[in-house]
Structure formats: structure tokens, C-alpha cells
PDB file of N, CA and C in Angstrom:
ATOM      1  N   MET A   1      48.050  40.340  -5.325  1.00  0.00           N
ATOM      2  CA  MET A   1      47.419  39.317  -4.521  1.00  0.00           C
ATOM      3  C   MET A   1      47.834  37.911  -4.966  1.00  0.00           C
ATOM      4  N   LYS A   2      48.154  37.138  -4.013  1.00  0.00           N
ATOM      5  CA  LYS A   2      48.518  35.729  -4.319  1.00  0.00           C
ATOM      6  C   LYS A   2      47.481  34.653  -3.773  1.00  0.00           C
ATOM      7  N   ILE A   3      46.809  34.003  -4.647  1.00  0.00           N
ATOM      8  CA  ILE A   3      45.836  33.075  -4.299  1.00  0.00           C
ATOM      9  C   ILE A   3      46.119  31.638  -4.695  1.00  0.00           C
ATOM     10  N   SER A   4      45.901  30.613  -3.956  1.00  0.00           N
ATOM     11  CA  SER A   4      45.893  29.172  -4.282  1.00  0.00           C
ATOM     12  C   SER A   4      44.449  28.761  -4.439  1.00  0.00           C
ATOM     13  N   PHE A   5      44.109  28.235  -5.580  1.00  0.00           N
ATOM     14  CA  PHE A   5      42.768  27.601  -5.818  1.00  0.00           C
ATOM     15  C   PHE A   5      42.970  26.059  -5.783  1.00  0.00           C
ATOM     16  N   GLY A   6      42.126  25.415  -5.004  1.00  0.00           N
ATOM     17  CA  GLY A   6      42.128  23.902  -5.095  1.00  0.00           C
ATOM     18  C   GLY A   6      40.784  23.416  -5.695  1.00  0.00           C
ATOM     19  N   ILE A   7      40.893  22.522  -6.684  1.00  0.00           N
ATOM     20  CA  ILE A   7      39.657  22.077  -7.257  1.00  0.00           C
ATOM     21  C   ILE A   7      39.595  20.592  -7.066  1.00  0.00           C
ATOM     22  N   LEU A   8      38.556  20.160  -6.425  1.00  0.00           N
ATOM     23  CA  LEU A   8      38.396  18.681  -6.066  1.00  0.00           C
ATOM     24  C   LEU A   8      37.513  18.161  -7.028  1.00  0.00           C
ATOM     25  N   THR A   9      38.033  17.027  -7.731  1.00  0.00           N
ATOM     26  CA  THR A   9      37.161  16.469  -8.798  1.00  0.00           C
ATOM     27  C   THR A   9      37.488  14.841  -8.685  1.00  0.00           C
ATOM     28  N   TYR A  10      36.901  14.136  -9.615  1.00  0.00           N
ATOM     29  CA  TYR A  10      37.107  12.722  -9.738  1.00  0.00           C
ATOM     30  C   TYR A  10      37.012  12.360 -11.124  1.00  0.00           C
ATOM     31  N   PRO A  11      37.430  11.176 -11.489  1.00  0.00           N
ATOM     32  CA  PRO A  11      37.435  10.618 -12.937  1.00  0.00           C
ATOM     33  C   PRO A  11      36.089  10.816 -13.512  1.00  0.00           C
ATOM     34  N   GLY A  12      36.140  11.433 -14.678  1.00  0.00           N
ATOM     35  CA  GLY A  12      34.806  11.554 -15.465  1.00  0.00           C
ATOM     36  C   GLY A  12      34.359  13.079 -15.494  1.00  0.00           C
ATOM     37  N   ASN A  13      34.926  13.864 -14.605  1.00  0.00           N
ATOM     38  CA  ASN A  13      34.395  15.225 -14.301  1.00  0.00           C
ATOM     39  C   ASN A  13      35.484  16.247 -14.819  1.00  0.00           C
ATOM     40  N   GLU A  14      36.365  15.828 -15.867  1.00  0.00           N
ATOM     41  CA  GLU A  14      37.290  16.735 -16.286  1.00  0.00           C
ATOM     42  C   GLU A  14      36.825  17.940 -17.074  1.00  0.00           C
ATOM     43  N   GLU A  15      35.776  17.775 -17.771  1.00  0.00           N
ATOM     44  CA  GLU A  15      35.042  18.851 -18.424  1.00  0.00           C
ATOM     45  C   GLU A  15      34.534  19.920 -17.606  1.00  0.00           C
ATOM     46  N   LYS A  16      33.849  19.390 -16.320  1.00  0.00           N
ATOM     47  CA  LYS A  16      33.416  20.452 -15.443  1.00  0.00           C
ATOM     48  C   LYS A  16      34.527  21.025 -14.710  1.00  0.00           C
ATOM     49  N   ALA A  17      35.635  20.383 -14.437  1.00  0.00           N
ATOM     50  CA  ALA A  17      36.810  20.963 -13.817  1.00  0.00           C
ATOM     51  C   ALA A  17      37.399  21.993 -14.813  1.00  0.00           C
ATOM     52  N   GLN A  18      37.426  21.723 -15.995  1.00  0.00           N
ATOM     53  CA  GLN A  18      37.963  22.769 -17.052  1.00  0.00           C
ATOM     54  C   GLN A  18      37.122  24.051 -17.095  1.00  0.00           C
ATOM     55  N   LYS A  19      35.834  23.935 -16.837  1.00  0.00           N
ATOM     56  CA  LYS A  19      35.002  25.162 -16.778  1.00  0.00           C
ATOM     57  C   LYS A  19      35.351  25.961 -15.535  1.00  0.00           C
ATOM     58  N   THR A  20      35.700  25.169 -14.458  1.00  0.00           N
ATOM     59  CA  THR A  20      36.001  25.851 -13.207  1.00  0.00           C
ATOM     60  C   THR A  20      37.370  26.626 -13.332  1.00  0.00           C
ATOM     61  N   ILE A  21      38.266  25.931 -14.110  1.00  0.00           N
ATOM     62  CA  ILE A  21      39.651  26.507 -14.304  1.00  0.00           C
ATOM     63  C   ILE A  21      39.529  27.693 -15.189  1.00  0.00           C
ATOM     64  N   LYS A  22      38.695  27.697 -16.209  1.00  0.00           N
ATOM     65  CA  LYS A  22      38.543  28.830 -17.173  1.00  0.00           C
ATOM     66  C   LYS A  22      37.910  30.042 -16.279  1.00  0.00           C
ATOM     67  N   SER A  23      37.091  29.724 -15.372  1.00  0.00           N
ATOM     68  CA  SER A  23      36.474  30.816 -14.581  1.00  0.00           C
ATOM     69  C   SER A  23      37.495  31.467 -13.753  1.00  0.00           C
ATOM     70  N   ILE A  24      38.315  30.749 -13.269  1.00  0.00           N
ATOM     71  CA  ILE A  24      39.467  31.323 -12.391  1.00  0.00           C
ATOM     72  C   ILE A  24      40.384  32.044 -13.350  1.00  0.00           C
ATOM     73  N   GLU A  25      40.706  31.666 -14.349  1.00  0.00           N
ATOM     74  CA  GLU A  25      41.703  32.224 -15.368  1.00  0.00           C
ATOM     75  C   GLU A  25      41.073  33.553 -15.757  1.00  0.00           C
ATOM     76  N   SER A  26      39.736  33.706 -15.898  1.00  0.00           N
ATOM     77  CA  SER A  26      39.164  34.971 -16.388  1.00  0.00           C
ATOM     78  C   SER A  26      39.151  36.131 -15.260  1.00  0.00           C
ATOM     79  N   GLN A  27      39.517  35.805 -14.118  1.00  0.00           N
ATOM     80  CA  GLN A  27      39.580  36.815 -13.019  1.00  0.00           C
ATOM     81  C   GLN A  27      40.802  37.687 -13.231  1.00  0.00           C
ATOM     82  N   ASN A  28      40.788  38.720 -12.666  1.00  0.00           N
ATOM     83  CA  ASN A  28      42.010  39.671 -12.738  1.00  0.00           C
ATOM     84  C   ASN A  28      42.898  39.444 -11.535  1.00  0.00           C
ATOM     85  N   ILE A  29      43.450  38.314 -11.544  1.00  0.00           N
ATOM     86  CA  ILE A  29      44.392  37.945 -10.500  1.00  0.00           C
ATOM     87  C   ILE A  29      45.840  37.932 -10.906  1.00  0.00           C
ATOM     88  N   THR A  30      46.683  38.505 -10.407  1.00  0.00           N
ATOM     89  CA  THR A  30      48.112  38.714 -10.905  1.00  0.00           C
ATOM     90  C   THR A  30      48.949  37.434 -10.560  1.00  0.00           C
ATOM     91  N   LEU A  31      48.757  36.866  -9.427  1.00  0.00           N
ATOM     92  CA  LEU A  31      49.587  35.824  -9.047  1.00  0.00           C
ATOM     93  C   LEU A  31      48.775  34.636  -8.395  1.00  0.00           C
ATOM     94  N   TYR A  32      48.673  33.565  -9.051  1.00  0.00           N
ATOM     95  CA  TYR A  32      47.751  32.554  -8.551  1.00  0.00           C
ATOM     96  C   TYR A  32      48.302  31.109  -9.015  1.00  0.00           C
ATOM     97  N   GLU A  33      47.760  30.083  -8.374  1.00  0.00           N
ATOM     98  CA  GLU A  33      48.003  28.793  -8.739  1.00  0.00           C
ATOM     99  C   GLU A  33      46.683  27.918  -8.608  1.00  0.00           C
ATOM    100  N   ILE A  34      46.655  26.949  -9.473  1.00  0.00           N
ATOM    101  CA  ILE A  34      45.365  26.079  -9.418  1.00  0.00           C
ATOM    102  C   ILE A  34      45.877  24.614  -9.280  1.00  0.00           C
ATOM    103  N   ILE A  35      45.485  24.122  -8.102  1.00  0.00           N
ATOM    104  CA  ILE A  35      45.869  22.651  -7.829  1.00  0.00           C
ATOM    105  C   ILE A  35      44.493  21.766  -7.988  1.00  0.00           C
ATOM    106  N   VAL A  36      44.603  20.833  -8.944  1.00  0.00           N
ATOM    107  CA  VAL A  36      43.516  19.899  -9.301  1.00  0.00           C
ATOM    108  C   VAL A  36      43.719  18.750  -8.556  1.00  0.00           C
ATOM    109  N   ILE A  37      42.873  18.317  -7.762  1.00  0.00           N
ATOM    110  CA  ILE A  37      43.080  16.981  -7.021  1.00  0.00           C
ATOM    111  C   ILE A  37      42.116  15.918  -7.517  1.00  0.00           C
ATOM    112  N   GLY A  38      42.476  14.839  -8.067  1.00  0.00           N
ATOM    113  CA  GLY A  38      41.660  13.878  -8.590  1.00  0.00           C
ATOM    114  C   GLY A  38      41.393  13.886  -9.982  1.00  0.00           C
ATOM    115  N   GLY A  39      40.824  12.952 -10.609  1.00  0.00           N
ATOM    116  CA  GLY A  39      40.427  12.932 -12.005  1.00  0.00           C
ATOM    117  C   GLY A  39      41.719  12.575 -12.796  1.00  0.00           C
ATOM    118  N   SER A  40      41.587  12.711 -14.223  1.00  0.00           N
ATOM    119  CA  SER A  40      42.717  12.574 -15.071  1.00  0.00           C
ATOM    120  C   SER A  40      43.400  13.878 -15.351  1.00  0.00           C
ATOM    121  N   ASN A  41      44.591  13.815 -15.697  1.00  0.00           N
ATOM    122  CA  ASN A  41      45.392  14.976 -16.088  1.00  0.00           C
ATOM    123  C   ASN A  41      45.306  15.342 -17.465  1.00  0.00           C
ATOM    124  N   VAL A  42      44.239  16.134 -17.808  1.00  0.00           N
ATOM    125  CA  VAL A  42      44.035  16.496 -19.223  1.00  0.00           C
ATOM    126  C   VAL A  42      44.233  18.028 -19.318  1.00  0.00           C
ATOM    127  N   TYR A  43      44.800  18.655 -18.388  1.00  0.00           N
ATOM    128  CA  TYR A  43      44.851  20.136 -18.269  1.00  0.00           C
ATOM    129  C   TYR A  43      46.193  20.720 -18.794  1.00  0.00           C
ATOM    130  N   LYS A  44      46.182  21.804 -19.531  1.00  0.00           N
ATOM    131  CA  LYS A  44      47.354  22.355 -20.131  1.00  0.00           C
ATOM    132  C   LYS A  44      47.466  23.797 -19.763  1.00  0.00           C
ATOM    133  N   ASN A  45      47.509  24.105 -18.433  1.00  0.00           N
ATOM    134  CA  ASN A  45      47.588  25.500 -18.061  1.00  0.00           C
ATOM    135  C   ASN A  45      48.969  25.661 -17.248  1.00  0.00           C
ATOM    136  N   THR A  46      49.515  26.925 -17.457  1.00  0.00           N
ATOM    137  CA  THR A  46      50.831  27.148 -16.871  1.00  0.00           C
ATOM    138  C   THR A  46      50.872  27.159 -15.337  1.00  0.00           C
ATOM    139  N   ASN A  47      49.805  27.628 -14.878  1.00  0.00           N
ATOM    140  CA  ASN A  47      49.609  27.867 -13.307  1.00  0.00           C
ATOM    141  C   ASN A  47      49.055  26.709 -12.718  1.00  0.00           C
ATOM    142  N   LEU A  48      48.989  25.594 -13.319  1.00  0.00           N
ATOM    143  CA  LEU A  48      48.190  24.525 -12.847  1.00  0.00           C
ATOM    144  C   LEU A  48      49.077  23.266 -12.420  1.00  0.00           C
ATOM    145  N   ILE A  49      48.675  22.700 -11.280  1.00  0.00           N
ATOM    146  CA  ILE A  49      49.342  21.518 -10.923  1.00  0.00           C
ATOM    147  C   ILE A  49      48.132  20.357 -10.724  1.00  0.00           C
ATOM    148  N   HIS A  50      48.338  19.189 -11.279  1.00  0.00           N
ATOM    149  CA  HIS A  50      47.440  18.097 -11.156  1.00  0.00           C
ATOM    150  C   HIS A  50      48.018  17.082 -10.232  1.00  0.00           C
ATOM    151  N   LEU A  51      47.309  16.620  -9.191  1.00  0.00           N
ATOM    152  CA  LEU A  51      47.619  15.791  -8.172  1.00  0.00           C
ATOM    153  C   LEU A  51      46.762  14.582  -8.296  1.00  0.00           C
ATOM    154  N   GLU A  52      47.324  13.401  -8.601  1.00  0.00           N
ATOM    155  CA  GLU A  52      46.388  12.134  -8.666  1.00  0.00           C
ATOM    156  C   GLU A  52      45.849  11.776  -7.331  1.00  0.00           C
ATOM    157  N   PHE A  53      44.811  11.131  -7.328  1.00  0.00           N
ATOM    158  CA  PHE A  53      44.162  10.668  -6.139  1.00  0.00           C
ATOM    159  C   PHE A  53      43.511   9.237  -6.387  1.00  0.00           C
ATOM    160  N   ASP A  54      43.863   8.304  -5.423  1.00  0.00           N
ATOM    161  CA  ASP A  54      43.422   6.895  -5.669  1.00  0.00           C
ATOM    162  C   ASP A  54      42.056   6.856  -5.122  1.00  0.00           C
ATOM    163  N   GLU A  55      40.999   6.865  -5.974  1.00  0.00           N
ATOM    164  CA  GLU A  55      39.662   6.874  -5.709  1.00  0.00           C
ATOM    165  C   GLU A  55      39.224   5.439  -5.110  1.00  0.00           C
ATOM    166  N   SER A  56      40.079   4.450  -5.379  1.00  0.00           N
ATOM    167  CA  SER A  56      39.645   3.103  -4.849  1.00  0.00           C
ATOM    168  C   SER A  56      39.748   2.944  -3.280  1.00  0.00           C
ATOM    169  N   ILE A  57      40.435   3.876  -2.660  1.00  0.00           N
ATOM    170  CA  ILE A  57      40.430   3.840  -1.240  1.00  0.00           C
ATOM    171  C   ILE A  57      39.036   4.278  -0.684  1.00  0.00           C
ATOM    172  N   LYS A  58      38.571   5.322  -1.194  1.00  0.00           N
ATOM    173  CA  LYS A  58      37.199   5.799  -0.790  1.00  0.00           C
ATOM    174  C   LYS A  58      36.787   6.835  -1.884  1.00  0.00           C
ATOM    175  N   LYS A  59      35.787   6.510  -2.634  1.00  0.00           N
ATOM    176  CA  LYS A  59      35.363   7.372  -3.737  1.00  0.00           C
ATOM    177  C   LYS A  59      34.873   8.698  -3.321  1.00  0.00           C
ATOM    178  N   GLY A  60      35.448   9.720  -3.908  1.00  0.00           N
ATOM    179  CA  GLY A  60      35.110  11.132  -3.661  1.00  0.00           C
ATOM    180  C   GLY A  60      35.475  11.531  -2.295  1.00  0.00           C
ATOM    181  N   TRP A  61      36.517  11.073  -1.729  1.00  0.00           N
ATOM    182  CA  TRP A  61      37.014  11.364  -0.386  1.00  0.00           C
ATOM    183  C   TRP A  61      37.359  12.881  -0.280  1.00  0.00           C
ATOM    184  N   ILE A  62      36.347  13.703  -0.160  1.00  0.00           N
ATOM    185  CA  ILE A  62      36.636  15.156  -0.188  1.00  0.00           C
ATOM    186  C   ILE A  62      37.381  15.657   0.963  1.00  0.00           C
ATOM    187  N   THR A  63      37.218  15.101   2.047  1.00  0.00           N
ATOM    188  CA  THR A  63      38.018  15.647   3.278  1.00  0.00           C
ATOM    189  C   THR A  63      39.449  15.472   3.016  1.00  0.00           C
ATOM    190  N   LYS A  64      39.799  14.266   2.546  1.00  0.00           N
ATOM    191  CA  LYS A  64      41.253  13.940   2.246  1.00  0.00           C
ATOM    192  C   LYS A  64      41.793  14.832   1.106  1.00  0.00           C
ATOM    193  N   LYS A  65      41.026  15.095   0.118  1.00  0.00           N
ATOM    194  CA  LYS A  65      41.420  16.028  -1.023  1.00  0.00           C
ATOM    195  C   LYS A  65      41.661  17.343  -0.507  1.00  0.00           C
ATOM    196  N   ARG A  66      40.846  17.884   0.360  1.00  0.00           N
ATOM    197  CA  ARG A  66      41.037  19.258   1.030  1.00  0.00           C
ATOM    198  C   ARG A  66      42.266  19.327   1.759  1.00  0.00           C
ATOM    199  N   ASN A  67      42.578  18.287   2.412  1.00  0.00           N
ATOM    200  CA  ASN A  67      43.803  18.317   3.344  1.00  0.00           C
ATOM    201  C   ASN A  67      45.003  18.297   2.463  1.00  0.00           C
ATOM    202  N   ILE A  68      44.930  17.501   1.341  1.00  0.00           N
ATOM    203  CA  ILE A  68      46.078  17.558   0.294  1.00  0.00           C
ATOM    204  C   ILE A  68      46.277  18.949  -0.184  1.00  0.00           C
ATOM    205  N   PHE A  69      45.100  19.560  -0.557  1.00  0.00           N
ATOM    206  CA  PHE A  69      45.161  20.941  -1.143  1.00  0.00           C
ATOM    207  C   PHE A  69      45.901  22.006  -0.145  1.00  0.00           C
ATOM    208  N   PHE A  70      45.398  21.980   1.110  1.00  0.00           N
ATOM    209  CA  PHE A  70      45.888  22.758   2.096  1.00  0.00           C
ATOM    210  C   PHE A  70      47.475  22.530   2.359  1.00  0.00           C
ATOM    211  N   LYS A  71      47.910  21.387   2.250  1.00  0.00           N
ATOM    212  CA  LYS A  71      49.144  21.035   2.468  1.00  0.00           C
ATOM    213  C   LYS A  71      50.010  21.498   1.243  1.00  0.00           C
ATOM    214  N   GLU A  72      49.602  21.308   0.063  1.00  0.00           N
ATOM    215  CA  GLU A  72      50.377  21.607  -1.137  1.00  0.00           C
ATOM    216  C   GLU A  72      50.304  23.065  -1.514  1.00  0.00           C
ATOM    217  N   ALA A  73      49.300  23.837  -1.199  1.00  0.00           N
ATOM    218  CA  ALA A  73      49.164  25.223  -1.601  1.00  0.00           C
ATOM    219  C   ALA A  73      50.380  26.138  -1.103  1.00  0.00           C
ATOM    220  N   LYS A  74      50.760  27.056  -2.017  1.00  0.00           N
ATOM    221  CA  LYS A  74      51.872  27.822  -1.723  1.00  0.00           C
ATOM    222  C   LYS A  74      51.635  29.257  -1.303  1.00  0.00           C
ATOM    223  N   TYR A  75      50.359  29.634  -1.445  1.00  0.00           N
ATOM    224  CA  TYR A  75      50.050  31.066  -1.178  1.00  0.00           C
ATOM    225  C   TYR A  75      49.179  31.090   0.151  1.00  0.00           C
ATOM    226  N   GLU A  76      49.012  32.253   0.754  1.00  0.00           N
ATOM    227  CA  GLU A  76      48.349  32.390   1.942  1.00  0.00           C
ATOM    228  C   GLU A  76      46.793  32.417   1.850  1.00  0.00           C
ATOM    229  N   ILE A  77      46.390  32.918   0.704  1.00  0.00           N
ATOM    230  CA  ILE A  77      44.948  32.911   0.426  1.00  0.00           C
ATOM    231  C   ILE A  77      44.577  31.688  -0.184  1.00  0.00           C
ATOM    232  N   LEU A  78      43.584  30.876   0.367  1.00  0.00           N
ATOM    233  CA  LEU A  78      43.314  29.534  -0.117  1.00  0.00           C
ATOM    234  C   LEU A  78      41.670  29.628  -0.550  1.00  0.00           C
ATOM    235  N   VAL A  79      41.379  28.993  -1.668  1.00  0.00           N
ATOM    236  CA  VAL A  79      40.000  28.972  -2.109  1.00  0.00           C
ATOM    237  C   VAL A  79      39.902  27.581  -2.687  1.00  0.00           C
ATOM    238  N   CYS A  80      39.154  26.751  -1.848  1.00  0.00           N
ATOM    239  CA  CYS A  80      38.985  25.284  -2.117  1.00  0.00           C
ATOM    240  C   CYS A  80      37.488  25.152  -2.698  1.00  0.00           C
ATOM    241  N   MET A  81      37.503  24.596  -3.958  1.00  0.00           N
ATOM    242  CA  MET A  81      36.176  24.517  -4.761  1.00  0.00           C
ATOM    243  C   MET A  81      36.005  23.016  -5.110  1.00  0.00           C
ATOM    244  N   HIS A  82      34.710  22.713  -5.487  1.00  0.00           N
ATOM    245  CA  HIS A  82      34.274  21.532  -6.173  1.00  0.00           C
ATOM    246  C   HIS A  82      34.393  21.768  -7.717  1.00  0.00           C
ATOM    247  N   ASP A  83      34.428  20.666  -8.384  1.00  0.00           N
ATOM    248  CA  ASP A  83      34.472  20.935  -9.807  1.00  0.00           C
ATOM    249  C   ASP A  83      33.275  21.368 -10.470  1.00  0.00           C
ATOM    250  N   TYR A  84      32.130  21.433  -9.818  1.00  0.00           N
ATOM    251  CA  TYR A  84      30.963  21.900 -10.382  1.00  0.00           C
ATOM    252  C   TYR A  84      30.635  23.495 -10.180  1.00  0.00           C
ATOM    253  N   LEU A  85      31.641  24.102  -9.504  1.00  0.00           N
ATOM    254  CA  LEU A  85      31.471  25.519  -9.112  1.00  0.00           C
ATOM    255  C   LEU A  85      32.294  26.274 -10.165  1.00  0.00           C
ATOM    256  N   THR A  86      31.733  27.569 -10.534  1.00  0.00           N
ATOM    257  CA  THR A  86      32.492  28.437 -11.351  1.00  0.00           C
ATOM    258  C   THR A  86      32.386  29.846 -10.745  1.00  0.00           C
ATOM    259  N   LEU A  87      33.411  30.682 -10.976  1.00  0.00           N
ATOM    260  CA  LEU A  87      33.394  32.027 -10.381  1.00  0.00           C
ATOM    261  C   LEU A  87      32.859  33.005 -11.487  1.00  0.00           C
ATOM    262  N   ASP A  88      31.971  33.911 -11.073  1.00  0.00           N
ATOM    263  CA  ASP A  88      31.235  34.924 -12.020  1.00  0.00           C
ATOM    264  C   ASP A  88      32.385  35.752 -12.688  1.00  0.00           C
ATOM    265  N   LEU A  89      32.098  36.253 -13.770  1.00  0.00           N
ATOM    266  CA  LEU A  89      33.028  37.095 -14.469  1.00  0.00           C
ATOM    267  C   LEU A  89      33.373  38.391 -13.768  1.00  0.00           C
ATOM    268  N   ASN A  90      32.394  38.932 -13.000  1.00  0.00           N
ATOM    269  CA  ASN A  90      32.604  40.205 -12.236  1.00  0.00           C
ATOM    270  C   ASN A  90      33.031  40.007 -10.851  1.00  0.00           C
ATOM    271  N   LEU A  91      33.497  38.750 -10.526  1.00  0.00           N
ATOM    272  CA  LEU A  91      33.917  38.636  -9.066  1.00  0.00           C
ATOM    273  C   LEU A  91      35.243  39.256  -8.888  1.00  0.00           C
ATOM    274  N   PHE A  92      35.331  40.063  -7.864  1.00  0.00           N
ATOM    275  CA  PHE A  92      36.623  40.699  -7.656  1.00  0.00           C
ATOM    276  C   PHE A  92      37.084  40.236  -6.149  1.00  0.00           C
ATOM    277  N   PHE A  93      38.457  40.044  -6.132  1.00  0.00           N
ATOM    278  CA  PHE A  93      39.087  39.548  -4.885  1.00  0.00           C
ATOM    279  C   PHE A  93      39.789  40.870  -4.302  1.00  0.00           C
ATOM    280  N   PHE A  94      39.479  41.249  -3.213  1.00  0.00           N
ATOM    281  CA  PHE A  94      39.992  42.351  -2.452  1.00  0.00           C
ATOM    282  C   PHE A  94      41.082  41.872  -1.488  1.00  0.00           C
ATOM    283  N   GLU A  95      42.149  42.616  -1.405  1.00  0.00           N
ATOM    284  CA  GLU A  95      43.252  42.244  -0.353  1.00  0.00           C
ATOM    285  C   GLU A  95      42.850  42.866   0.950  1.00  0.00           C
ATOM    286  N   CYS A  96      42.857  42.149   1.994  1.00  0.00           N
ATOM    287  CA  CYS A  96      42.561  42.625   3.274  1.00  0.00           C
ATOM    288  C   CYS A  96      43.747  42.563   4.223  1.00  0.00           C
ATOM    289  N   THR A  97      43.818  43.515   5.147  1.00  0.00           N
ATOM    290  CA  THR A  97      44.897  43.438   6.055  1.00  0.00           C
ATOM    291  C   THR A  97      44.269  43.516   7.435  1.00  0.00           C
ATOM    292  N   PHE A  98      44.776  42.716   8.263  1.00  0.00           N
ATOM    293  CA  PHE A  98      44.356  42.589   9.768  1.00  0.00           C
ATOM    294  C   PHE A  98      45.247  43.173  10.686  1.00  0.00           C
TER     295      PHE A  98
END
């Protein structure tokens, strides 16, 4: 299963975003990417891309950050999250066919 995770954050919330990242990494997902939008680039993960966001335009501009994530994601399954959310350890992602 291939999943793109987008984490929407802002400066000062890097510690919260790091907890979100760790909760994603603890899942049993074979192929994934994490795109962090906003905040400072303090992350050292191999599957992670950090995209800067100019908060001076409009602080916490969540809709713009979501659109950036949707544009940049490379996989078909998209999970867009705020930096204060974490995934439970026993959360399983099932592949669905339509």
C-alpha cells in the first residue's frame, strides 16, 4: 500500500509535528511519504519532505497548506492531518478496490 501523509503545522509546533511523524512511522506501512507543510525544518526522516510556508501572508492558512499537500503528494491514498493528531499504534490501513 502506498500512502502520502500531509502534516499541516506552523512555527513553534515542531515538537507536536514530531509526535505525529513518529505515530505514522510506527504503523506497518510498506511504502509511504510524509510531507510537512509549515514550521521549521527540524526533521531527520528518510521518507519526509518539509515544505516551507510563509505564515506572514495569512497565519495558519490551512486551506492553502492542504492544497499544497494535494499537489505535491505522489501516492493515490492521501491522509491530511494537523500537527496535534497522532495515529493509534493498532491502527491498520486496509487496501480497498473499487
